[in-house]
Amino acid sequence: MSRRTTKPNQSSEEVEARHYIGIDNGVSGTIGIISISKVNVKTQFHLTPIFKTQDYTKKKKNINRIHYQNLLQMMYPCVRRLENTFAMIEAPLVNPGKFNATASALRAFEATLIALESLQIGYKTVSAADWRKELLPSGVVGSAEQKKASASVGRKLFPKHRELIEKHGDADGLLIAEYCKKMQR
């Protein structure tokens, strides 16, 4: 009995597509997916799926966490051919002076790595400086200016996602996916 490699309504082009996943780490990040087949290029751009929950410290407060099941569902279509799928995830912020932001970034990073590993998607961690150096104009300094530059480049490269780029304020997930594509070729 032969094993079916495509779903009944799935073309062989979709199965043969190469998928590049870019993950702007964190609960306020984004995920970009670039899928390239012989006949077309498809892109997806999503806010990182999150949910609010009570913090586990003595002080009563809510925190955002990665919604693991939604993250899996978002990336699952890319696993039809694992050898054609690769992800890059931005390294988390680690700054002892910003304990809460660091804890959040590390929680998000771990949840995202578990999702990638559960789906058996190969990945590499990339520094923000590395992908920005490749894709943003030179001389852009400071967080606010980097976000503006990311949004501007993202709107030019991915006009289909203009609305979400403008709403979110940057296109980091898509640009990391673009960087992933460039580095995997």
Foldseek 3Di string as FASTA:
>chain_A
DDDDLDDPPDDVQLLQWAKFWFWAFFQLTKIKIWTDGPPDIDIDIGGFAWDWDFDPDPDTDIDIAGPLVVLLVVCVSNLSPQVRYEYEYEDFDDDPVCVVRRVRRVRRVVSNVVSCVVSVHHYDYDHPVVLCVVQFDPPQDDDLSSLQRQLVSCCVVPVVCNVVSVVSSGRRNNSRSVVRVVVVD
